[in-house]
All heavy atoms as atom14 arrays in JSON, in Angstrom:
{
  "sequence": "AGFGVDGETPAGLAVLLAVQNAGIIAWLAGVARLKGRGSLAADFGFA",
  "atom14_mask": [
    [1, 1, 1, 1, 1, 0, 0, 0, 0, 0, 0, 0, 0, 0],
    [1, 1, 1, 1, 0, 0, 0, 0, 0, 0, 0, 0, 0, 0],
    [1, 1, 1, 1, 1, 1, 1, 1, 1, 1, 1, 0, 0, 0],
    [1, 1, 1, 1, 0, 0, 0, 0, 0, 0, 0, 0, 0, 0],
    [1, 1, 1, 1, 1, 1, 1, 0, 0, 0, 0, 0, 0, 0],
    [1, 1, 1, 1, 1, 1, 1, 1, 0, 0, 0, 0, 0, 0],
    [1, 1, 1, 1, 0, 0, 0, 0, 0, 0, 0, 0, 0, 0],
    [1, 1, 1, 1, 1, 1, 1, 1, 1, 0, 0, 0, 0, 0],
    [1, 1, 1, 1, 1, 1, 1, 0, 0, 0, 0, 0, 0, 0],
    [1, 1, 1, 1, 1, 1, 1, 0, 0, 0, 0, 0, 0, 0],
    [1, 1, 1, 1, 1, 0, 0, 0, 0, 0, 0, 0, 0, 0],
    [1, 1, 1, 1, 0, 0, 0, 0, 0, 0, 0, 0, 0, 0],
    [1, 1, 1, 1, 1, 1, 1, 1, 0, 0, 0, 0, 0, 0],
    [1, 1, 1, 1, 1, 0, 0, 0, 0, 0, 0, 0, 0, 0],
    [1, 1, 1, 1, 1, 1, 1, 0, 0, 0, 0, 0, 0, 0],
    [1, 1, 1, 1, 1, 1, 1, 1, 0, 0, 0, 0, 0, 0],
    [1, 1, 1, 1, 1, 1, 1, 1, 0, 0, 0, 0, 0, 0],
    [1, 1, 1, 1, 1, 0, 0, 0, 0, 0, 0, 0, 0, 0],
    [1, 1, 1, 1, 1, 1, 1, 0, 0, 0, 0, 0, 0, 0],
    [1, 1, 1, 1, 1, 1, 1, 1, 1, 0, 0, 0, 0, 0],
    [1, 1, 1, 1, 1, 1, 1, 1, 0, 0, 0, 0, 0, 0],
    [1, 1, 1, 1, 1, 0, 0, 0, 0, 0, 0, 0, 0, 0],
    [1, 1, 1, 1, 0, 0, 0, 0, 0, 0, 0, 0, 0, 0],
    [1, 1, 1, 1, 1, 1, 1, 1, 0, 0, 0, 0, 0, 0],
    [1, 1, 1, 1, 1, 1, 1, 1, 0, 0, 0, 0, 0, 0],
    [1, 1, 1, 1, 1, 0, 0, 0, 0, 0, 0, 0, 0, 0],
    [1, 1, 1, 1, 1, 1, 1, 1, 1, 1, 1, 1, 1, 1],
    [1, 1, 1, 1, 1, 1, 1, 1, 0, 0, 0, 0, 0, 0],
    [1, 1, 1, 1, 1, 0, 0, 0, 0, 0, 0, 0, 0, 0],
    [1, 1, 1, 1, 0, 0, 0, 0, 0, 0, 0, 0, 0, 0],
    [1, 1, 1, 1, 1, 1, 1, 0, 0, 0, 0, 0, 0, 0],
    [1, 1, 1, 1, 1, 0, 0, 0, 0, 0, 0, 0, 0, 0],
    [1, 1, 1, 1, 1, 1, 1, 1, 1, 1, 1, 0, 0, 0],
    [1, 1, 1, 1, 1, 1, 1, 1, 0, 0, 0, 0, 0, 0],
    [1, 1, 1, 1, 1, 1, 1, 1, 1, 0, 0, 0, 0, 0],
    [1, 1, 1, 1, 0, 0, 0, 0, 0, 0, 0, 0, 0, 0],
    [1, 1, 1, 1, 1, 1, 1, 1, 1, 1, 1, 0, 0, 0],
    [1, 1, 1, 1, 0, 0, 0, 0, 0, 0, 0, 0, 0, 0],
    [1, 1, 1, 1, 1, 1, 0, 0, 0, 0, 0, 0, 0, 0],
    [1, 1, 1, 1, 1, 1, 1, 1, 0, 0, 0, 0, 0, 0],
    [1, 1, 1, 1, 1, 0, 0, 0, 0, 0, 0, 0, 0, 0],
    [1, 1, 1, 1, 1, 0, 0, 0, 0, 0, 0, 0, 0, 0],
    [1, 1, 1, 1, 1, 1, 1, 1, 0, 0, 0, 0, 0, 0],
    [1, 1, 1, 1, 1, 1, 1, 1, 1, 1, 1, 0, 0, 0],
    [1, 1, 1, 1, 0, 0, 0, 0, 0, 0, 0, 0, 0, 0],
    [1, 1, 1, 1, 1, 1, 1, 1, 1, 1, 1, 0, 0, 0],
    [1, 1, 1, 1, 1, 0, 0, 0, 0, 0, 0, 0, 0, 0]
  ],
  "atom14_positions": [
    [[107.91, 124.66, 87.96], [106.62, 125.21, 87.7], [106.72, 126.54, 87.18], [105.87, 127.03, 86.36], [105.83, 125.22, 89.03], [0.0, 0.0, 0.0], [0.0, 0.0, 0.0], [0.0, 0.0, 0.0], [0.0, 0.0, 0.0], [0.0, 0.0, 0.0], [0.0, 0.0, 0.0], [0.0, 0.0, 0.0], [0.0, 0.0, 0.0], [0.0, 0.0, 0.0]],
    [[107.8, 127.26, 87.55], [107.98, 128.64, 87.08], [108.39, 128.77, 85.57], [108.21, 129.71, 85.02], [0.0, 0.0, 0.0], [0.0, 0.0, 0.0], [0.0, 0.0, 0.0], [0.0, 0.0, 0.0], [0.0, 0.0, 0.0], [0.0, 0.0, 0.0], [0.0, 0.0, 0.0], [0.0, 0.0, 0.0], [0.0, 0.0, 0.0], [0.0, 0.0, 0.0]],
    [[108.78, 127.54, 85.09], [108.98, 127.47, 83.52], [107.69, 127.13, 82.73], [107.8, 126.78, 81.61], [110.13, 126.44, 83.23], [111.52, 126.98, 83.66], [112.13, 126.73, 84.81], [112.24, 127.76, 82.74], [113.38, 127.21, 85.06], [113.39, 128.3, 82.98], [114.02, 128.02, 84.19], [0.0, 0.0, 0.0], [0.0, 0.0, 0.0], [0.0, 0.0, 0.0]],
    [[106.58, 127.13, 83.51], [105.28, 126.93, 82.83], [104.74, 125.51, 82.9], [103.72, 125.23, 82.19], [0.0, 0.0, 0.0], [0.0, 0.0, 0.0], [0.0, 0.0, 0.0], [0.0, 0.0, 0.0], [0.0, 0.0, 0.0], [0.0, 0.0, 0.0], [0.0, 0.0, 0.0], [0.0, 0.0, 0.0], [0.0, 0.0, 0.0], [0.0, 0.0, 0.0]],
    [[105.29, 124.7, 83.7], [104.64, 123.39, 83.87], [103.41, 123.47, 84.77], [103.5, 123.95, 85.88], [105.68, 122.39, 84.58], [105.06, 121.0, 84.81], [106.95, 122.18, 83.61], [0.0, 0.0, 0.0], [0.0, 0.0, 0.0], [0.0, 0.0, 0.0], [0.0, 0.0, 0.0], [0.0, 0.0, 0.0], [0.0, 0.0, 0.0], [0.0, 0.0, 0.0]],
    [[102.29, 123.04, 84.25], [100.99, 123.22, 84.85], [100.62, 122.08, 85.64], [100.32, 120.92, 85.06], [99.92, 123.6, 83.84], [98.54, 123.96, 84.49], [98.61, 123.99, 85.72], [97.61, 124.18, 83.7], [0.0, 0.0, 0.0], [0.0, 0.0, 0.0], [0.0, 0.0, 0.0], [0.0, 0.0, 0.0], [0.0, 0.0, 0.0], [0.0, 0.0, 0.0]],
    [[100.55, 122.15, 87.05], [100.22, 121.03, 87.92], [98.71, 120.71, 87.83], [98.32, 119.71, 88.41], [0.0, 0.0, 0.0], [0.0, 0.0, 0.0], [0.0, 0.0, 0.0], [0.0, 0.0, 0.0], [0.0, 0.0, 0.0], [0.0, 0.0, 0.0], [0.0, 0.0, 0.0], [0.0, 0.0, 0.0], [0.0, 0.0, 0.0], [0.0, 0.0, 0.0]],
    [[98.01, 121.45, 87.13], [96.52, 121.19, 86.94], [96.28, 120.18, 85.74], [95.14, 119.82, 85.5], [95.8, 122.51, 86.7], [95.69, 123.35, 87.99], [95.12, 122.77, 89.23], [94.07, 121.95, 89.03], [95.73, 122.82, 90.31], [0.0, 0.0, 0.0], [0.0, 0.0, 0.0], [0.0, 0.0, 0.0], [0.0, 0.0, 0.0], [0.0, 0.0, 0.0]],
    [[97.33, 119.9, 85.06], [97.22, 118.97, 83.91], [97.8, 117.55, 84.41], [98.79, 117.6, 85.18], [97.88, 119.41, 82.63], [99.32, 119.41, 82.86], [97.34, 120.74, 82.22], [0.0, 0.0, 0.0], [0.0, 0.0, 0.0], [0.0, 0.0, 0.0], [0.0, 0.0, 0.0], [0.0, 0.0, 0.0], [0.0, 0.0, 0.0], [0.0, 0.0, 0.0]],
    [[97.33, 116.48, 83.88], [97.9, 115.23, 84.3], [99.44, 115.1, 84.09], [100.21, 114.6, 84.94], [97.11, 114.09, 83.44], [95.86, 114.77, 83.11], [96.24, 116.27, 82.99], [0.0, 0.0, 0.0], [0.0, 0.0, 0.0], [0.0, 0.0, 0.0], [0.0, 0.0, 0.0], [0.0, 0.0, 0.0], [0.0, 0.0, 0.0], [0.0, 0.0, 0.0]],
    [[99.93, 115.42, 82.84], [101.37, 115.37, 82.56], [102.18, 116.37, 83.41], [103.23, 116.0, 83.98], [101.6, 115.62, 81.05], [0.0, 0.0, 0.0], [0.0, 0.0, 0.0], [0.0, 0.0, 0.0], [0.0, 0.0, 0.0], [0.0, 0.0, 0.0], [0.0, 0.0, 0.0], [0.0, 0.0, 0.0], [0.0, 0.0, 0.0], [0.0, 0.0, 0.0]],
    [[101.64, 117.52, 83.59], [102.3, 118.56, 84.47], [102.42, 118.11, 85.95], [103.42, 118.25, 86.64], [0.0, 0.0, 0.0], [0.0, 0.0, 0.0], [0.0, 0.0, 0.0], [0.0, 0.0, 0.0], [0.0, 0.0, 0.0], [0.0, 0.0, 0.0], [0.0, 0.0, 0.0], [0.0, 0.0, 0.0], [0.0, 0.0, 0.0], [0.0, 0.0, 0.0]],
    [[101.23, 117.49, 86.48], [101.29, 116.98, 87.79], [102.28, 115.85, 87.97], [103.08, 115.82, 88.89], [99.86, 116.46, 88.17], [99.68, 115.75, 89.53], [100.01, 116.75, 90.66], [98.39, 115.11, 89.65], [0.0, 0.0, 0.0], [0.0, 0.0, 0.0], [0.0, 0.0, 0.0], [0.0, 0.0, 0.0], [0.0, 0.0, 0.0], [0.0, 0.0, 0.0]],
    [[102.34, 114.96, 87.07], [103.38, 114.01, 87.06], [104.86, 114.44, 87.02], [105.68, 114.03, 87.72], [103.22, 112.89, 85.92], [0.0, 0.0, 0.0], [0.0, 0.0, 0.0], [0.0, 0.0, 0.0], [0.0, 0.0, 0.0], [0.0, 0.0, 0.0], [0.0, 0.0, 0.0], [0.0, 0.0, 0.0], [0.0, 0.0, 0.0], [0.0, 0.0, 0.0]],
    [[105.02, 115.45, 86.14], [106.38, 116.03, 86.02], [106.7, 116.78, 87.41], [107.89, 116.58, 87.88], [106.46, 117.05, 84.96], [107.71, 117.91, 84.99], [106.4, 116.37, 83.62], [0.0, 0.0, 0.0], [0.0, 0.0, 0.0], [0.0, 0.0, 0.0], [0.0, 0.0, 0.0], [0.0, 0.0, 0.0], [0.0, 0.0, 0.0], [0.0, 0.0, 0.0]],
    [[105.88, 117.52, 88.01], [106.19, 118.19, 89.22], [106.48, 117.14, 90.31], [107.34, 117.43, 91.24], [105.08, 119.15, 89.64], [104.96, 120.32, 88.67], [103.73, 121.17, 89.11], [106.2, 121.17, 88.55], [0.0, 0.0, 0.0], [0.0, 0.0, 0.0], [0.0, 0.0, 0.0], [0.0, 0.0, 0.0], [0.0, 0.0, 0.0], [0.0, 0.0, 0.0]],
    [[105.65, 116.06, 90.37], [105.87, 115.11, 91.42], [107.29, 114.38, 91.23], [107.99, 114.22, 92.26], [104.8, 114.0, 91.42], [103.4, 114.44, 91.92], [102.43, 113.34, 91.6], [103.44, 114.67, 93.38], [0.0, 0.0, 0.0], [0.0, 0.0, 0.0], [0.0, 0.0, 0.0], [0.0, 0.0, 0.0], [0.0, 0.0, 0.0], [0.0, 0.0, 0.0]],
    [[107.63, 114.11, 89.98], [108.87, 113.47, 89.7], [110.1, 114.4, 90.0], [110.95, 114.04, 90.68], [109.0, 113.12, 88.16], [0.0, 0.0, 0.0], [0.0, 0.0, 0.0], [0.0, 0.0, 0.0], [0.0, 0.0, 0.0], [0.0, 0.0, 0.0], [0.0, 0.0, 0.0], [0.0, 0.0, 0.0], [0.0, 0.0, 0.0], [0.0, 0.0, 0.0]],
    [[109.9, 115.73, 89.7], [110.95, 116.64, 90.01], [111.17, 116.81, 91.49], [112.26, 116.76, 92.0], [110.73, 117.96, 89.32], [111.67, 119.08, 89.86], [110.8, 117.82, 87.85], [0.0, 0.0, 0.0], [0.0, 0.0, 0.0], [0.0, 0.0, 0.0], [0.0, 0.0, 0.0], [0.0, 0.0, 0.0], [0.0, 0.0, 0.0], [0.0, 0.0, 0.0]],
    [[110.05, 116.87, 92.3], [110.14, 117.01, 93.68], [110.88, 115.83, 94.26], [111.75, 116.01, 95.14], [108.69, 117.19, 94.2], [108.73, 117.38, 95.81], [107.41, 117.62, 96.31], [106.49, 118.15, 95.66], [107.09, 117.2, 97.55], [0.0, 0.0, 0.0], [0.0, 0.0, 0.0], [0.0, 0.0, 0.0], [0.0, 0.0, 0.0], [0.0, 0.0, 0.0]],
    [[110.44, 114.61, 93.91], [110.99, 113.42, 94.48], [112.49, 113.38, 94.05], [113.43, 112.99, 94.84], [110.26, 112.28, 94.04], [108.9, 112.13, 94.69], [108.84, 112.32, 95.93], [107.9, 111.85, 94.0], [0.0, 0.0, 0.0], [0.0, 0.0, 0.0], [0.0, 0.0, 0.0], [0.0, 0.0, 0.0], [0.0, 0.0, 0.0], [0.0, 0.0, 0.0]],
    [[112.9, 113.63, 92.8], [114.2, 113.66, 92.35], [115.03, 114.58, 93.16], [116.3, 114.36, 93.43], [114.26, 113.88, 90.89], [0.0, 0.0, 0.0], [0.0, 0.0, 0.0], [0.0, 0.0, 0.0], [0.0, 0.0, 0.0], [0.0, 0.0, 0.0], [0.0, 0.0, 0.0], [0.0, 0.0, 0.0], [0.0, 0.0, 0.0], [0.0, 0.0, 0.0]],
    [[114.52, 115.75, 93.38], [115.29, 116.72, 94.22], [115.64, 116.2, 95.66], [116.79, 116.42, 96.13], [0.0, 0.0, 0.0], [0.0, 0.0, 0.0], [0.0, 0.0, 0.0], [0.0, 0.0, 0.0], [0.0, 0.0, 0.0], [0.0, 0.0, 0.0], [0.0, 0.0, 0.0], [0.0, 0.0, 0.0], [0.0, 0.0, 0.0], [0.0, 0.0, 0.0]],
    [[114.67, 115.52, 96.25], [114.99, 115.0, 97.59], [116.01, 113.88, 97.49], [117.0, 113.92, 98.32], [113.61, 114.43, 98.2], [112.67, 115.57, 98.5], [113.95, 113.59, 99.45], [111.27, 115.04, 98.87], [0.0, 0.0, 0.0], [0.0, 0.0, 0.0], [0.0, 0.0, 0.0], [0.0, 0.0, 0.0], [0.0, 0.0, 0.0], [0.0, 0.0, 0.0]],
    [[115.9, 113.03, 96.48], [116.79, 111.9, 96.37], [118.22, 112.41, 96.1], [119.24, 112.0, 96.7], [116.36, 110.94, 95.29], [115.1, 110.24, 95.75], [117.48, 109.79, 94.96], [114.51, 109.29, 94.61], [0.0, 0.0, 0.0], [0.0, 0.0, 0.0], [0.0, 0.0, 0.0], [0.0, 0.0, 0.0], [0.0, 0.0, 0.0], [0.0, 0.0, 0.0]],
    [[118.29, 113.46, 95.21], [119.56, 114.05, 94.83], [120.29, 114.7, 96.08], [121.51, 114.49, 96.24], [119.4, 115.12, 93.81], [0.0, 0.0, 0.0], [0.0, 0.0, 0.0], [0.0, 0.0, 0.0], [0.0, 0.0, 0.0], [0.0, 0.0, 0.0], [0.0, 0.0, 0.0], [0.0, 0.0, 0.0], [0.0, 0.0, 0.0], [0.0, 0.0, 0.0]],
    [[119.46, 115.32, 96.89], [120.07, 115.98, 98.15], [120.54, 114.88, 99.06], [121.65, 115.12, 99.55], [118.94, 116.74, 98.87], [119.49, 117.58, 100.0], [119.75, 117.11, 101.31], [119.91, 118.95, 99.94], [120.28, 118.11, 102.07], [120.39, 119.19, 101.33], [119.96, 119.88, 98.95], [120.9, 120.5, 101.6], [120.48, 121.21, 99.35], [120.91, 121.43, 100.56]],
    [[119.76, 113.84, 99.23], [120.16, 112.8, 100.18], [121.47, 112.13, 99.6], [122.39, 111.67, 100.3], [119.05, 111.68, 100.39], [117.88, 112.27, 101.23], [116.87, 111.16, 101.23], [118.3, 112.63, 102.62], [0.0, 0.0, 0.0], [0.0, 0.0, 0.0], [0.0, 0.0, 0.0], [0.0, 0.0, 0.0], [0.0, 0.0, 0.0], [0.0, 0.0, 0.0]],
    [[121.56, 111.91, 98.3], [122.73, 111.32, 97.67], [123.98, 112.18, 97.79], [125.1, 111.67, 98.07], [122.48, 111.09, 96.26], [0.0, 0.0, 0.0], [0.0, 0.0, 0.0], [0.0, 0.0, 0.0], [0.0, 0.0, 0.0], [0.0, 0.0, 0.0], [0.0, 0.0, 0.0], [0.0, 0.0, 0.0], [0.0, 0.0, 0.0], [0.0, 0.0, 0.0]],
    [[123.76, 113.52, 97.76], [124.81, 114.37, 98.03], [125.31, 114.37, 99.48], [126.59, 114.39, 99.68], [0.0, 0.0, 0.0], [0.0, 0.0, 0.0], [0.0, 0.0, 0.0], [0.0, 0.0, 0.0], [0.0, 0.0, 0.0], [0.0, 0.0, 0.0], [0.0, 0.0, 0.0], [0.0, 0.0, 0.0], [0.0, 0.0, 0.0], [0.0, 0.0, 0.0]],
    [[124.39, 114.25, 100.38], [124.81, 114.18, 101.74], [125.54, 112.86, 102.05], [126.56, 112.86, 102.79], [123.44, 114.26, 102.68], [123.83, 113.85, 104.1], [122.83, 115.55, 102.65], [0.0, 0.0, 0.0], [0.0, 0.0, 0.0], [0.0, 0.0, 0.0], [0.0, 0.0, 0.0], [0.0, 0.0, 0.0], [0.0, 0.0, 0.0], [0.0, 0.0, 0.0]],
    [[125.09, 111.85, 101.38], [125.8, 110.53, 101.62], [127.27, 110.65, 101.07], [128.25, 110.07, 101.68], [125.05, 109.44, 100.96], [0.0, 0.0, 0.0], [0.0, 0.0, 0.0], [0.0, 0.0, 0.0], [0.0, 0.0, 0.0], [0.0, 0.0, 0.0], [0.0, 0.0, 0.0], [0.0, 0.0, 0.0], [0.0, 0.0, 0.0], [0.0, 0.0, 0.0]],
    [[127.45, 111.28, 100.0], [128.73, 111.41, 99.37], [129.67, 112.4, 100.2], [130.86, 112.1, 100.24], [128.62, 111.91, 97.91], [129.92, 112.0, 97.17], [129.64, 112.26, 95.67], [129.04, 111.14, 95.04], [129.75, 110.04, 94.49], [130.93, 109.98, 94.63], [128.99, 109.14, 93.99], [0.0, 0.0, 0.0], [0.0, 0.0, 0.0], [0.0, 0.0, 0.0]],
    [[129.16, 113.45, 100.69], [129.92, 114.43, 101.33], [130.23, 114.12, 102.77], [131.27, 114.43, 103.45], [129.26, 115.87, 101.25], [129.18, 116.46, 99.91], [128.39, 117.71, 99.84], [130.58, 116.75, 99.28], [0.0, 0.0, 0.0], [0.0, 0.0, 0.0], [0.0, 0.0, 0.0], [0.0, 0.0, 0.0], [0.0, 0.0, 0.0], [0.0, 0.0, 0.0]],
    [[129.12, 113.58, 103.48], [129.21, 113.31, 104.94], [129.2, 111.91, 105.37], [129.51, 111.62, 106.5], [128.11, 114.13, 105.56], [128.17, 115.68, 105.32], [127.04, 116.37, 105.93], [127.15, 116.23, 107.41], [125.98, 117.07, 108.14], [0.0, 0.0, 0.0], [0.0, 0.0, 0.0], [0.0, 0.0, 0.0], [0.0, 0.0, 0.0], [0.0, 0.0, 0.0]],
    [[128.76, 111.0, 104.52], [128.55, 109.65, 104.91], [129.5, 108.67, 104.36], [130.71, 109.05, 103.95], [0.0, 0.0, 0.0], [0.0, 0.0, 0.0], [0.0, 0.0, 0.0], [0.0, 0.0, 0.0], [0.0, 0.0, 0.0], [0.0, 0.0, 0.0], [0.0, 0.0, 0.0], [0.0, 0.0, 0.0], [0.0, 0.0, 0.0], [0.0, 0.0, 0.0]],
    [[129.0, 107.45, 103.98], [129.86, 106.4, 103.38], [129.77, 106.34, 101.93], [130.33, 105.44, 101.33], [129.53, 105.07, 104.06], [129.97, 104.93, 105.52], [129.37, 103.69, 106.13], [128.08, 103.81, 106.4], [127.23, 102.76, 107.01], [127.89, 101.66, 107.15], [126.08, 103.0, 107.19], [0.0, 0.0, 0.0], [0.0, 0.0, 0.0], [0.0, 0.0, 0.0]],
    [[128.97, 107.31, 101.32], [129.17, 107.41, 99.96], [127.9, 106.89, 99.05], [127.94, 107.06, 97.88], [0.0, 0.0, 0.0], [0.0, 0.0, 0.0], [0.0, 0.0, 0.0], [0.0, 0.0, 0.0], [0.0, 0.0, 0.0], [0.0, 0.0, 0.0], [0.0, 0.0, 0.0], [0.0, 0.0, 0.0], [0.0, 0.0, 0.0], [0.0, 0.0, 0.0]],
    [[126.89, 106.21, 99.71], [125.89, 105.7, 98.89], [124.55, 105.67, 99.66], [124.52, 105.64, 100.82], [126.12, 104.24, 98.34], [126.02, 103.39, 99.51], [0.0, 0.0, 0.0], [0.0, 0.0, 0.0], [0.0, 0.0, 0.0], [0.0, 0.0, 0.0], [0.0, 0.0, 0.0], [0.0, 0.0, 0.0], [0.0, 0.0, 0.0], [0.0, 0.0, 0.0]],
    [[123.45, 105.68, 99.0], [122.04, 105.65, 99.67], [121.87, 104.29, 100.4], [121.29, 104.31, 101.43], [121.07, 105.79, 98.51], [120.93, 107.14, 97.85], [119.86, 107.19, 96.73], [120.7, 108.25, 98.82], [0.0, 0.0, 0.0], [0.0, 0.0, 0.0], [0.0, 0.0, 0.0], [0.0, 0.0, 0.0], [0.0, 0.0, 0.0], [0.0, 0.0, 0.0]],
    [[122.5, 103.19, 99.89], [122.37, 101.97, 100.51], [123.23, 101.96, 101.85], [122.69, 101.5, 102.88], [122.98, 100.83, 99.65], [0.0, 0.0, 0.0], [0.0, 0.0, 0.0], [0.0, 0.0, 0.0], [0.0, 0.0, 0.0], [0.0, 0.0, 0.0], [0.0, 0.0, 0.0], [0.0, 0.0, 0.0], [0.0, 0.0, 0.0], [0.0, 0.0, 0.0]],
    [[124.38, 102.35, 101.82], [125.28, 102.38, 102.99], [124.78, 103.32, 104.09], [124.8, 103.05, 105.28], [126.66, 102.64, 102.69], [0.0, 0.0, 0.0], [0.0, 0.0, 0.0], [0.0, 0.0, 0.0], [0.0, 0.0, 0.0], [0.0, 0.0, 0.0], [0.0, 0.0, 0.0], [0.0, 0.0, 0.0], [0.0, 0.0, 0.0], [0.0, 0.0, 0.0]],
    [[124.29, 104.54, 103.7], [124.0, 105.54, 104.65], [122.59, 105.46, 105.04], [122.25, 105.88, 106.22], [124.33, 106.89, 104.13], [125.83, 107.11, 104.03], [126.5, 107.2, 105.05], [126.44, 107.16, 102.89], [0.0, 0.0, 0.0], [0.0, 0.0, 0.0], [0.0, 0.0, 0.0], [0.0, 0.0, 0.0], [0.0, 0.0, 0.0], [0.0, 0.0, 0.0]],
    [[121.63, 105.17, 104.18], [120.18, 105.11, 104.54], [119.48, 103.85, 104.41], [118.3, 103.77, 104.59], [119.46, 106.31, 103.6], [120.21, 107.62, 103.7], [120.77, 108.17, 102.66], [120.18, 108.35, 104.91], [121.4, 109.44, 102.72], [120.74, 109.64, 105.01], [121.38, 110.18, 103.92], [0.0, 0.0, 0.0], [0.0, 0.0, 0.0], [0.0, 0.0, 0.0]],
    [[120.24, 102.83, 104.1], [119.66, 101.51, 104.1], [118.82, 101.17, 102.75], [117.94, 100.24, 102.72], [0.0, 0.0, 0.0], [0.0, 0.0, 0.0], [0.0, 0.0, 0.0], [0.0, 0.0, 0.0], [0.0, 0.0, 0.0], [0.0, 0.0, 0.0], [0.0, 0.0, 0.0], [0.0, 0.0, 0.0], [0.0, 0.0, 0.0], [0.0, 0.0, 0.0]],
    [[119.04, 101.97, 101.74], [118.21, 101.86, 100.57], [118.43, 100.38, 99.96], [119.54, 99.92, 99.75], [118.64, 102.84, 99.44], [117.9, 102.56, 98.25], [116.52, 102.77, 98.05], [118.59, 102.17, 97.02], [115.84, 102.57, 96.8], [117.93, 101.97, 95.89], [116.54, 102.12, 95.71], [0.0, 0.0, 0.0], [0.0, 0.0, 0.0], [0.0, 0.0, 0.0]],
    [[117.27, 99.67, 99.72], [117.31, 98.32, 99.13], [115.81, 98.03, 98.71], [114.97, 98.3, 99.4], [117.81, 97.31, 100.01], [0.0, 0.0, 0.0], [0.0, 0.0, 0.0], [0.0, 0.0, 0.0], [0.0, 0.0, 0.0], [0.0, 0.0, 0.0], [0.0, 0.0, 0.0], [0.0, 0.0, 0.0], [0.0, 0.0, 0.0], [0.0, 0.0, 0.0]]
  ]
}
C-alpha cells in the first residue's frame, strides 16, 4: 500500500488481499522448511 496501491479501488483491494494472504502462506512455508518436515502438507495438513 505504501507504493501507492489504493485499497479503495477494486483492483487495489484485490491486490492487497492477495499480498496479505501470500505473506501469511510464505511465512508458514518458511516455518515448515526451517522447523518442521518441509512442506505445508506435512506440517499443517494442507490438501
